[in-house]
């Protein structure tokens, strides 16, 4: 059975012939009741403090749990983001490699086509060059033959010799005299005009 200060204060004792001093017992009981009351109040305050501390600890624990849960969610989100970023990075790198390989292949194909076209064009130019070279050679040979023929004709022309030229000049002068009669003197005409 637990004692309360009120129980101590109202406690009654039986009397005996040579018993205790009533005032002293009452004062002592009052002192004990006061101290017990103080002790109980102190315990109650301590219990309230403990209860408050426990509530605060519980609240802090709840907040800590919420913070932990929030951190776990964030960690999971960060982890998923990192995984996604790594996958995206890998995809971007793979796509860039593929695109680079495609660009290189396309450039190689274009280069091969350009080289092939250049070779074909060079073949056409070479054919045209050889054809023009042959035409020029034929032209020069033909021109040389014709020039030689003209030179031979010129060399044989009678006008190129001095004697023949003088003889031809005399013949021409004679033909001219025979065809065109000389003009009569111009004096009679002058007289008539006067």
N, C-alpha and C. Protein backbone atom coordinates (compact mmCIF):
# COMPACT_ATOMS: atom_id res chain seq x y z
N UNK A 1 0.86 -1.17 0.00
CA UNK A 1 0.00 0.00 0.00
C UNK A 1 0.91 1.23 0.00
N UNK A 2 0.65 2.17 -0.96
CA UNK A 2 1.48 3.36 -1.06
C UNK A 2 0.95 4.44 -0.15
N UNK A 3 1.86 5.22 0.39
CA UNK A 3 1.47 6.30 1.30
C UNK A 3 1.44 7.61 0.55
N UNK A 4 0.45 8.42 0.91
CA UNK A 4 0.34 9.76 0.37
C UNK A 4 0.47 10.73 1.54
N UNK A 5 0.86 11.95 1.27
CA UNK A 5 1.02 12.90 2.39
C UNK A 5 -0.25 13.06 3.21
N UNK A 6 -1.39 13.02 2.56
CA UNK A 6 -2.65 13.18 3.31
C UNK A 6 -2.86 12.02 4.28
N UNK A 7 -2.41 10.81 3.85
CA UNK A 7 -2.54 9.65 4.75
C UNK A 7 -1.69 9.84 6.00
N UNK A 8 -0.48 10.39 5.78
CA UNK A 8 0.40 10.59 6.92
C UNK A 8 -0.18 11.64 7.85
N UNK A 9 -0.73 12.69 7.29
CA UNK A 9 -1.28 13.76 8.12
C UNK A 9 -2.49 13.28 8.95
N UNK A 10 -3.25 12.42 8.45
CA UNK A 10 -4.47 11.98 9.14
C UNK A 10 -4.29 10.65 9.88
N UNK A 11 -3.10 10.23 9.92
CA UNK A 11 -2.84 8.97 10.62
C UNK A 11 -3.10 9.17 12.13
N UNK A 12 -3.81 8.25 12.71
CA UNK A 12 -4.11 8.28 14.15
C UNK A 12 -3.45 7.05 14.81
N UNK A 13 -2.96 7.27 15.99
CA UNK A 13 -2.33 6.17 16.73
C UNK A 13 -3.15 5.88 18.01
N UNK A 14 -3.08 4.72 18.43
CA UNK A 14 -3.79 4.39 19.69
C UNK A 14 -2.92 4.85 20.89
N UNK A 15 -3.61 5.08 21.98
CA UNK A 15 -2.89 5.59 23.15
C UNK A 15 -2.50 4.45 24.11
N UNK A 16 -1.39 4.65 24.64
CA UNK A 16 -0.96 3.70 25.67
C UNK A 16 -0.52 4.55 26.90
N UNK A 17 -0.34 3.90 27.98
CA UNK A 17 -0.09 4.60 29.20
C UNK A 17 1.20 5.40 29.14
N UNK A 18 2.18 4.94 28.64
CA UNK A 18 3.41 5.70 28.55
C UNK A 18 3.76 5.88 27.07
N UNK A 19 2.94 6.43 26.32
CA UNK A 19 3.12 6.56 24.85
C UNK A 19 4.00 7.75 24.48
N UNK A 20 4.02 7.99 23.19
CA UNK A 20 4.84 9.06 22.67
C UNK A 20 4.19 10.40 22.90
N UNK A 21 5.00 11.43 22.77
CA UNK A 21 4.47 12.78 22.91
C UNK A 21 3.69 13.08 21.66
N UNK A 22 2.48 13.45 21.85
CA UNK A 22 1.55 13.63 20.74
C UNK A 22 1.99 14.76 19.86
N UNK A 23 2.44 15.84 20.38
CA UNK A 23 2.84 16.99 19.59
C UNK A 23 4.07 16.66 18.76
N UNK A 24 4.99 15.96 19.36
CA UNK A 24 6.20 15.60 18.63
C UNK A 24 5.87 14.64 17.48
N UNK A 25 5.02 13.67 17.79
CA UNK A 25 4.63 12.71 16.73
C UNK A 25 3.93 13.47 15.63
N UNK A 26 3.02 14.38 15.99
CA UNK A 26 2.27 15.12 14.98
C UNK A 26 3.22 15.99 14.18
N UNK A 27 4.19 16.65 14.82
CA UNK A 27 5.15 17.51 14.11
C UNK A 27 6.01 16.67 13.18
N UNK A 28 6.43 15.50 13.71
CA UNK A 28 7.25 14.64 12.87
C UNK A 28 6.48 14.13 11.68
N UNK A 29 5.24 13.72 11.91
CA UNK A 29 4.38 13.24 10.81
C UNK A 29 4.16 14.37 9.81
N UNK A 30 3.96 15.56 10.31
CA UNK A 30 3.76 16.73 9.42
C UNK A 30 5.02 16.96 8.59
N UNK A 31 6.18 16.86 9.20
CA UNK A 31 7.44 17.04 8.49
C UNK A 31 7.60 15.96 7.43
N UNK A 32 7.32 14.71 7.80
CA UNK A 32 7.43 13.60 6.85
C UNK A 32 6.45 13.81 5.71
N UNK A 33 5.22 14.20 6.03
CA UNK A 33 4.19 14.43 5.00
C UNK A 33 4.64 15.54 4.07
N UNK A 34 5.25 16.61 4.62
CA UNK A 34 5.73 17.73 3.79
C UNK A 34 6.84 17.27 2.85
N UNK A 35 7.79 16.53 3.45
CA UNK A 35 8.89 16.06 2.61
C UNK A 35 8.40 15.09 1.55
N UNK A 36 7.47 14.19 1.95
CA UNK A 36 6.92 13.23 0.99
C UNK A 36 6.16 13.98 -0.09
N UNK A 37 5.41 14.99 0.35
CA UNK A 37 4.65 15.80 -0.62
C UNK A 37 5.62 16.47 -1.59
N UNK A 38 6.70 17.03 -1.04
CA UNK A 38 7.71 17.68 -1.89
C UNK A 38 8.33 16.66 -2.82
N UNK A 39 8.66 15.49 -2.26
CA UNK A 39 9.26 14.43 -3.07
C UNK A 39 8.30 14.01 -4.17
N UNK A 40 7.05 13.84 -3.85
CA UNK A 40 6.05 13.44 -4.86
C UNK A 40 5.91 14.53 -5.93
N UNK A 41 5.86 15.81 -5.47
CA UNK A 41 5.78 16.90 -6.46
C UNK A 41 7.01 16.89 -7.37
N UNK A 42 8.15 16.69 -6.69
CA UNK A 42 9.40 16.64 -7.47
C UNK A 42 9.35 15.47 -8.46
N UNK A 43 8.91 14.35 -8.03
CA UNK A 43 8.79 13.20 -8.92
C UNK A 43 7.80 13.47 -10.05
N UNK A 44 6.69 14.11 -9.66
CA UNK A 44 5.68 14.43 -10.69
C UNK A 44 6.27 15.39 -11.72
N UNK A 45 7.00 16.42 -11.21
CA UNK A 45 7.65 17.35 -12.14
C UNK A 45 8.65 16.60 -13.03
N UNK A 46 9.43 15.73 -12.38
CA UNK A 46 10.41 14.95 -13.14
C UNK A 46 9.71 14.07 -14.18
N UNK A 47 8.59 13.48 -13.74
CA UNK A 47 7.83 12.63 -14.67
C UNK A 47 7.26 13.47 -15.82
N UNK A 48 6.77 14.67 -15.46
CA UNK A 48 6.27 15.57 -16.51
C UNK A 48 7.41 15.96 -17.45
N UNK A 49 8.58 16.27 -16.81
CA UNK A 49 9.74 16.62 -17.65
C UNK A 49 10.09 15.43 -18.55
N UNK A 50 10.14 14.24 -17.91
CA UNK A 50 10.45 13.05 -18.69
C UNK A 50 9.42 12.83 -19.80
N UNK A 51 8.15 13.06 -19.40
CA UNK A 51 7.08 12.90 -20.39
C UNK A 51 7.26 13.92 -21.53
N UNK A 52 7.59 15.18 -21.15
CA UNK A 52 7.84 16.20 -22.18
C UNK A 52 9.05 15.82 -23.04
N UNK A 53 10.11 15.35 -22.31
CA UNK A 53 11.31 14.94 -23.03
C UNK A 53 10.98 13.77 -23.94
N UNK A 54 10.22 12.81 -23.39
CA UNK A 54 9.83 11.67 -24.22
C UNK A 54 9.01 12.12 -25.43
N UNK A 55 8.07 13.08 -25.18
CA UNK A 55 7.27 13.61 -26.31
C UNK A 55 8.17 14.29 -27.33
N UNK A 56 9.11 15.11 -26.76
CA UNK A 56 10.05 15.79 -27.67
C UNK A 56 10.88 14.77 -28.42
N UNK A 57 11.35 13.75 -27.68
CA UNK A 57 12.15 12.70 -28.33
C UNK A 57 11.31 11.98 -29.37
N UNK A 58 10.04 11.71 -29.01
CA UNK A 58 9.16 11.04 -29.97
C UNK A 58 8.95 11.92 -31.20
N UNK A 59 8.70 13.24 -30.92
CA UNK A 59 8.53 14.17 -32.05
C UNK A 59 9.80 14.25 -32.89
N UNK A 60 10.94 14.35 -32.16
CA UNK A 60 12.20 14.39 -32.89
C UNK A 60 12.43 13.09 -33.64
N UNK A 61 12.04 11.98 -33.02
CA UNK A 61 12.18 10.68 -33.69
C UNK A 61 11.29 10.63 -34.92
N UNK A 62 10.05 11.14 -34.75
CA UNK A 62 9.14 11.18 -35.90
C UNK A 62 9.72 12.08 -37.00
N UNK A 63 10.19 13.27 -36.55
CA UNK A 63 10.81 14.17 -37.54
C UNK A 63 12.05 13.54 -38.16
N UNK A 64 12.83 12.87 -37.31
CA UNK A 64 14.03 12.21 -37.82
C UNK A 64 13.64 11.11 -38.81
N UNK A 65 12.59 10.35 -38.44
CA UNK A 65 12.11 9.30 -39.35
C UNK A 65 11.60 9.91 -40.65
N UNK A 66 10.86 11.02 -40.51
CA UNK A 66 10.39 11.70 -41.73
C UNK A 66 11.57 12.21 -42.55
N UNK A 67 12.56 12.80 -41.84
CA UNK A 67 13.75 13.28 -42.54
C UNK A 67 14.49 12.12 -43.20
N UNK A 68 14.58 10.99 -42.47
CA UNK A 68 15.24 9.81 -43.03
C UNK A 68 14.48 9.31 -44.25
N UNK A 69 13.14 9.25 -44.11
CA UNK A 69 12.31 8.82 -45.25
C UNK A 69 12.48 9.78 -46.43
N UNK A 70 12.51 11.08 -46.10
CA UNK A 70 12.71 12.09 -47.15
C UNK A 70 14.08 11.92 -47.80
N UNK A 71 15.09 11.71 -46.97
CA UNK A 71 16.44 11.48 -47.49
C UNK A 71 16.50 10.20 -48.32
N UNK A 72 15.80 9.16 -47.84
CA UNK A 72 15.76 7.92 -48.61
C UNK A 72 15.11 8.13 -49.97
N UNK A 73 13.98 8.90 -49.96
CA UNK A 73 13.31 9.20 -51.23
C UNK A 73 14.24 10.01 -52.15
N UNK A 74 14.91 11.00 -51.54
CA UNK A 74 15.84 11.80 -52.33
C UNK A 74 17.00 10.95 -52.85
N UNK A 75 17.51 10.09 -51.95
CA UNK A 75 18.60 9.21 -52.37
C UNK A 75 18.14 8.30 -53.52
N UNK A 76 16.94 7.77 -53.37
CA UNK A 76 16.40 6.91 -54.43
C UNK A 76 16.21 7.71 -55.72
N UNK A 77 15.70 8.94 -55.59
CA UNK A 77 15.52 9.80 -56.76
C UNK A 77 16.87 10.13 -57.39
N UNK A 78 17.83 10.48 -56.54
CA UNK A 78 19.19 10.77 -57.05
C UNK A 78 19.76 9.53 -57.72
N UNK A 79 19.58 8.38 -57.07
CA UNK A 79 20.09 7.13 -57.63
C UNK A 79 19.45 6.86 -58.99
N UNK A 80 18.10 6.99 -59.06
CA UNK A 80 17.42 6.79 -60.34
C UNK A 80 17.87 7.82 -61.37
N UNK A 81 18.07 9.08 -60.91
CA UNK A 81 18.55 10.12 -61.82
C UNK A 81 19.93 9.79 -62.34
N UNK A 82 20.81 9.32 -61.44
CA UNK A 82 22.16 8.95 -61.86
C UNK A 82 22.13 7.78 -62.84
N UNK A 83 21.28 6.80 -62.54
CA UNK A 83 21.16 5.66 -63.46
C UNK A 83 20.66 6.14 -64.81
N UNK A 84 19.64 7.00 -64.76
CA UNK A 84 19.09 7.54 -66.02
C UNK A 84 20.15 8.37 -66.75
N UNK A 85 20.90 9.18 -65.97
CA UNK A 85 21.95 10.00 -66.59
C UNK A 85 23.02 9.12 -67.22
N UNK A 86 23.41 8.06 -66.50
CA UNK A 86 24.41 7.13 -67.05
C UNK A 86 23.88 6.48 -68.32
N UNK A 87 22.61 6.06 -68.28
CA UNK A 87 22.02 5.43 -69.48
C UNK A 87 21.94 6.44 -70.61
N UNK A 88 21.52 7.67 -70.27
CA UNK A 88 21.44 8.72 -71.29
C UNK A 88 22.82 9.01 -71.85
N UNK A 89 23.81 9.09 -70.96
CA UNK A 89 25.19 9.34 -71.39
C UNK A 89 25.65 8.23 -72.33
N UNK A 90 25.38 6.98 -71.92
CA UNK A 90 25.77 5.84 -72.76
C UNK A 90 25.05 5.89 -74.10
N UNK A 91 23.76 6.24 -74.08
CA UNK A 91 22.99 6.35 -75.33
C UNK A 91 23.56 7.46 -76.21
N UNK A 92 23.86 8.60 -75.59
CA UNK A 92 24.40 9.74 -76.36
C UNK A 92 25.74 9.36 -76.97
N UNK A 93 26.59 8.71 -76.17
CA UNK A 93 27.90 8.30 -76.68
C UNK A 93 27.73 7.30 -77.81
N UNK A 94 26.83 6.32 -77.61
CA UNK A 94 26.60 5.31 -78.66
C UNK A 94 26.06 5.97 -79.92
N UNK A 95 25.10 6.88 -79.75
CA UNK A 95 24.54 7.58 -80.91
C UNK A 95 25.60 8.43 -81.60
N UNK A 96 26.43 9.10 -80.78
CA UNK A 96 27.49 9.93 -81.37
C UNK A 96 28.48 9.06 -82.14
N UNK A 97 28.80 7.91 -81.57
CA UNK A 97 29.72 6.99 -82.28
C UNK A 97 29.10 6.53 -83.60
N UNK A 98 27.81 6.12 -83.51
CA UNK A 98 27.14 5.68 -84.73
C UNK A 98 27.09 6.79 -85.76
N UNK A 99 26.73 7.99 -85.28
CA UNK A 99 26.66 9.14 -86.20
C UNK A 99 28.04 9.44 -86.78
N UNK A 100 29.06 9.36 -85.93
CA UNK A 100 30.43 9.59 -86.41
C UNK A 100 30.82 8.54 -87.44
N UNK A 101 30.49 7.27 -87.15
CA UNK A 101 30.81 6.21 -88.11
C UNK A 101 30.05 6.42 -89.42
N UNK A 102 28.76 6.81 -89.29
CA UNK A 102 27.97 7.09 -90.51
C UNK A 102 28.57 8.24 -91.31
N UNK A 103 29.00 9.29 -90.60
CA UNK A 103 29.60 10.44 -91.28
C UNK A 103 30.88 10.02 -91.98
N UNK A 104 31.68 9.21 -91.27
CA UNK A 104 32.94 8.74 -91.87
C UNK A 104 32.66 7.87 -93.08
N UNK A 105 31.69 6.95 -92.95
CA UNK A 105 31.36 6.08 -94.09
C UNK A 105 30.84 6.91 -95.25
N UNK A 106 29.98 7.86 -94.95
CA UNK A 106 29.43 8.72 -96.00
C UNK A 106 30.54 9.52 -96.66
N UNK A 107 31.46 10.04 -95.84
CA UNK A 107 32.58 10.81 -96.39
C UNK A 107 33.48 9.91 -97.24
N UNK A 108 33.71 8.68 -96.77
CA UNK A 108 34.52 7.76 -97.56
C UNK A 108 33.85 7.44 -98.88
N UNK A 109 32.52 7.21 -98.84
CA UNK A 109 31.78 6.94 -100.09
C UNK A 109 31.86 8.14 -101.03
N UNK A 110 31.66 9.34 -100.47
CA UNK A 110 31.75 10.54 -101.30
C UNK A 110 33.14 10.70 -101.88
N UNK A 111 34.15 10.42 -101.04
CA UNK A 111 35.53 10.53 -101.52
C UNK A 111 35.78 9.52 -102.63
N UNK A 112 35.30 8.28 -102.43
CA UNK A 112 35.49 7.27 -103.47
C UNK A 112 34.78 7.68 -104.76
N UNK A 113 33.53 8.20 -104.60
CA UNK A 113 32.80 8.66 -105.79
C UNK A 113 33.53 9.80 -106.46
N UNK A 114 34.04 10.74 -105.65
CA UNK A 114 34.75 11.89 -106.22
C UNK A 114 36.01 11.42 -106.93
N UNK A 115 36.72 10.48 -106.32
CA UNK A 115 37.94 9.96 -106.95
C UNK A 115 37.58 9.24 -108.25
N UNK A 116 36.50 8.43 -108.19
CA UNK A 116 36.07 7.71 -109.40
C UNK A 116 35.68 8.70 -110.49
N UNK A 117 34.91 9.72 -110.10
CA UNK A 117 34.50 10.73 -111.10
C UNK A 117 35.73 11.47 -111.64
N UNK A 118 36.67 11.78 -110.76
CA UNK A 118 37.89 12.47 -111.20
C UNK A 118 38.68 11.58 -112.15
N UNK A 119 38.75 10.27 -111.83
CA UNK A 119 39.45 9.35 -112.73
C UNK A 119 38.75 9.29 -114.09
N UNK A 120 37.41 9.23 -114.05
CA UNK A 120 36.67 9.20 -115.32
C UNK A 120 36.90 10.49 -116.09
N UNK A 121 36.82 11.61 -115.40
CA UNK A 121 37.01 12.90 -116.06
C UNK A 121 38.43 13.00 -116.61
N UNK A 122 39.39 12.52 -115.82
CA UNK A 122 40.78 12.51 -116.26
C UNK A 122 40.95 11.62 -117.49
N UNK A 123 40.23 10.48 -117.50
CA UNK A 123 40.27 9.60 -118.68
C UNK A 123 39.72 10.30 -119.91
N UNK A 124 38.59 11.03 -119.71
CA UNK A 124 37.99 11.77 -120.82
C UNK A 124 38.97 12.85 -121.29
N UNK A 125 39.56 13.59 -120.34
CA UNK A 125 40.52 14.63 -120.70
C UNK A 125 41.73 14.05 -121.43
N UNK A 126 42.20 12.89 -120.95
CA UNK A 126 43.34 12.26 -121.59
C UNK A 126 43.00 11.86 -123.03
N UNK A 127 41.78 11.31 -123.19
CA UNK A 127 41.33 10.93 -124.53
C UNK A 127 41.24 12.17 -125.43
N UNK A 128 40.65 13.24 -124.89
CA UNK A 128 40.53 14.48 -125.67
C UNK A 128 41.92 15.04 -125.98
N UNK A 129 42.82 14.99 -124.99
CA UNK A 129 44.18 15.49 -125.20
C UNK A 129 44.86 14.71 -126.32
N UNK A 130 44.78 13.39 -126.26
CA UNK A 130 45.42 12.57 -127.29
C UNK A 130 44.80 12.84 -128.66
N UNK A 131 43.46 13.00 -128.67
CA UNK A 131 42.76 13.27 -129.93
C UNK A 131 43.21 14.62 -130.50
N UNK A 132 43.26 15.66 -129.62
CA UNK A 132 43.70 16.99 -130.08
C UNK A 132 45.16 16.97 -130.51
N UNK A 133 45.95 16.23 -129.80
CA UNK A 133 47.37 16.11 -130.15
C UNK A 133 47.51 15.49 -131.55
N UNK A 134 46.71 14.45 -131.77
CA UNK A 134 46.76 13.78 -133.09
C UNK A 134 46.26 14.72 -134.18
N UNK A 135 45.17 15.46 -133.90
CA UNK A 135 44.64 16.41 -134.88
C UNK A 135 45.68 17.49 -135.19
N UNK A 136 46.32 18.01 -134.12
CA UNK A 136 47.34 19.05 -134.34
C UNK A 136 48.48 18.49 -135.19
N UNK A 137 48.90 17.28 -134.88
CA UNK A 137 50.00 16.66 -135.63
C UNK A 137 49.62 16.51 -137.10
N UNK A 138 48.39 16.04 -137.34
CA UNK A 138 47.93 15.89 -138.73
C UNK A 138 47.85 17.24 -139.42
N UNK A 139 47.30 18.25 -138.67
CA UNK A 139 47.18 19.59 -139.25
C UNK A 139 48.56 20.14 -139.62
N UNK A 140 49.52 20.02 -138.68
CA UNK A 140 50.86 20.54 -138.94
C UNK A 140 51.53 19.82 -140.12
N UNK A 141 51.33 18.51 -140.18
CA UNK A 141 51.92 17.77 -141.29
C UNK A 141 51.29 18.20 -142.61
N UNK A 142 49.96 18.33 -142.61
CA UNK A 142 49.24 18.74 -143.82
C UNK A 142 49.62 20.17 -144.19
N UNK A 143 49.69 21.04 -143.15
CA UNK A 143 50.06 22.43 -143.41
C UNK A 143 51.48 22.52 -143.97
N UNK A 144 52.39 21.71 -143.40
CA UNK A 144 53.77 21.71 -143.88
C UNK A 144 53.83 21.28 -145.36
N UNK A 145 53.02 20.26 -145.70
CA UNK A 145 53.01 19.80 -147.10
C UNK A 145 52.49 20.90 -148.00
N UNK A 146 51.37 21.53 -147.56
CA UNK A 146 50.79 22.60 -148.39
C UNK A 146 51.74 23.79 -148.46
N UNK A 147 52.37 24.12 -147.35
CA UNK A 147 53.32 25.23 -147.32
C UNK A 147 54.51 24.93 -148.23
N UNK A 148 54.95 23.71 -148.18
CA UNK A 148 56.06 23.32 -149.06
C UNK A 148 55.65 23.44 -150.54
N UNK A 149 54.39 23.03 -150.80
CA UNK A 149 53.89 23.15 -152.18
C UNK A 149 53.86 24.60 -152.60
N UNK A 150 53.34 25.47 -151.71
CA UNK A 150 53.30 26.91 -152.03
C UNK A 150 54.71 27.46 -152.20
N UNK A 151 55.62 27.05 -151.35
CA UNK A 151 57.00 27.53 -151.44
C UNK A 151 57.63 27.10 -152.78
N UNK A 152 57.32 25.87 -153.16
CA UNK A 152 57.83 25.41 -154.46
C UNK A 152 57.24 26.23 -155.60
N UNK A 153 55.94 26.51 -155.54
CA UNK A 153 55.29 27.32 -156.57
C UNK A 153 55.87 28.73 -156.60
N UNK A 154 56.05 29.29 -155.41
CA UNK A 154 56.58 30.66 -155.32
C UNK A 154 58.00 30.67 -155.88
N UNK A 155 58.77 29.64 -155.56
CA UNK A 155 60.13 29.58 -156.04
C UNK A 155 60.21 29.48 -157.56
N UNK A 156 59.19 28.88 -158.14
CA UNK A 156 59.17 28.72 -159.59
C UNK A 156 58.51 29.89 -160.30
N UNK A 157 57.94 30.78 -159.59
CA UNK A 157 57.22 31.92 -160.21
C UNK A 157 58.23 32.80 -160.95
N UNK A 158 57.90 33.18 -162.22
CA UNK A 158 58.82 33.94 -163.06
C UNK A 158 59.05 35.35 -162.54
N UNK A 159 58.16 35.87 -161.71
CA UNK A 159 58.34 37.24 -161.25
C UNK A 159 59.49 37.38 -160.27
N UNK A 160 59.91 36.30 -159.74
CA UNK A 160 60.97 36.37 -158.75
C UNK A 160 62.36 36.51 -159.37
N UNK A 161 62.46 36.34 -160.67
CA UNK A 161 63.75 36.56 -161.32
C UNK A 161 63.73 37.95 -161.94
N UNK A 162 64.83 38.66 -161.87
CA UNK A 162 64.92 40.05 -162.33
C UNK A 162 64.69 40.16 -163.84
N UNK A 163 65.28 39.28 -164.59
CA UNK A 163 65.12 39.33 -166.07
C UNK A 163 63.68 39.11 -166.45
N UNK A 164 63.04 38.20 -165.85
CA UNK A 164 61.64 37.90 -166.20
C UNK A 164 60.77 39.08 -165.84
N UNK A 165 61.04 39.72 -164.73
CA UNK A 165 60.22 40.88 -164.31
C UNK A 165 60.36 42.01 -165.31
N UNK A 166 61.54 42.30 -165.73
CA UNK A 166 61.74 43.40 -166.70
C UNK A 166 61.08 43.06 -168.04
N UNK A 167 61.20 41.81 -168.46
CA UNK A 167 60.58 41.40 -169.71
C UNK A 167 59.07 41.53 -169.63
N UNK A 168 58.51 41.14 -168.51
CA UNK A 168 57.06 41.22 -168.34
C UNK A 168 56.62 42.68 -168.29
N UNK A 169 57.40 43.53 -167.69
CA UNK A 169 57.05 44.95 -167.63
C UNK A 169 57.03 45.53 -169.06
N UNK A 170 58.00 45.15 -169.86
CA UNK A 170 58.02 45.66 -171.25
C UNK A 170 56.80 45.15 -172.01
N UNK A 171 56.50 43.88 -171.84
CA UNK A 171 55.35 43.32 -172.55
C UNK A 171 54.08 44.04 -172.13
N UNK A 172 53.96 44.31 -170.88
CA UNK A 172 52.74 44.99 -170.40
C UNK A 172 52.65 46.40 -170.96
N UNK A 173 53.74 47.07 -170.99
CA UNK A 173 53.74 48.43 -171.53
C UNK A 173 53.34 48.39 -173.01
N UNK A 174 53.84 47.42 -173.74
CA UNK A 174 53.50 47.30 -175.17
C UNK A 174 52.02 47.02 -175.34
N UNK A 175 51.49 46.12 -174.53
CA UNK A 175 50.06 45.78 -174.63
C UNK A 175 49.24 47.00 -174.28
N UNK A 176 49.68 47.74 -173.37
CA UNK A 176 48.95 48.94 -172.95
C UNK A 176 48.94 49.96 -174.09
N UNK A 177 50.04 50.10 -174.78
CA UNK A 177 50.11 51.05 -175.91
C UNK A 177 49.21 50.57 -177.04
N UNK A 178 49.19 49.26 -177.25
CA UNK A 178 48.38 48.74 -178.33
C UNK A 178 46.90 48.88 -178.03
N UNK A 179 46.54 48.80 -176.87
CA UNK A 179 45.11 48.83 -176.53
C UNK A 179 44.66 50.27 -176.36
N UNK A 180 45.40 51.09 -175.70
CA UNK A 180 44.97 52.47 -175.45
C UNK A 180 45.79 53.38 -176.35
N UNK A 181 45.12 54.06 -177.34
CA UNK A 181 45.85 54.97 -178.21
C UNK A 181 46.33 56.16 -177.41
N UNK A 182 47.41 56.77 -177.86
CA UNK A 182 47.91 57.93 -177.16
C UNK A 182 46.97 59.10 -177.33
N UNK A 183 46.90 59.98 -176.47
CA UNK A 183 46.02 61.16 -176.50
C UNK A 183 46.63 62.18 -177.43
N UNK A 184 45.77 62.81 -178.20
CA UNK A 184 46.28 63.89 -179.04
C UNK A 184 46.73 65.02 -178.17
N UNK A 185 47.44 65.89 -178.72
CA UNK A 185 48.00 66.98 -177.93
C UNK A 185 46.88 67.82 -177.40
N UNK A 186 47.04 68.46 -176.35
CA UNK A 186 45.99 69.19 -175.68
C UNK A 186 45.95 70.63 -176.07
N UNK A 187 46.80 71.17 -176.95
CA UNK A 187 46.80 72.56 -177.36
C UNK A 187 45.58 72.93 -178.17
N UNK A 188 45.19 72.18 -179.18
CA UNK A 188 44.04 72.62 -179.96
C UNK A 188 42.82 72.73 -179.06
N UNK A 189 42.69 71.92 -178.15
CA UNK A 189 41.53 71.99 -177.30
C UNK A 189 41.54 73.30 -176.51
N UNK A 190 42.72 73.70 -176.14
CA UNK A 190 42.81 74.92 -175.36
C UNK A 190 42.41 76.09 -176.24
N UNK A 191 42.75 76.05 -177.48
CA UNK A 191 42.40 77.14 -178.37
C UNK A 191 40.90 77.22 -178.55
N UNK A 192 40.30 76.12 -178.76
CA UNK A 192 38.86 76.13 -178.97
C UNK A 192 38.14 76.64 -177.76
N UNK A 193 38.64 76.39 -176.66
CA UNK A 193 37.99 76.81 -175.43
C UNK A 193 38.06 78.32 -175.31
N UNK A 194 39.09 78.90 -175.85
CA UNK A 194 39.20 80.35 -175.75
C UNK A 194 38.25 80.90 -176.70
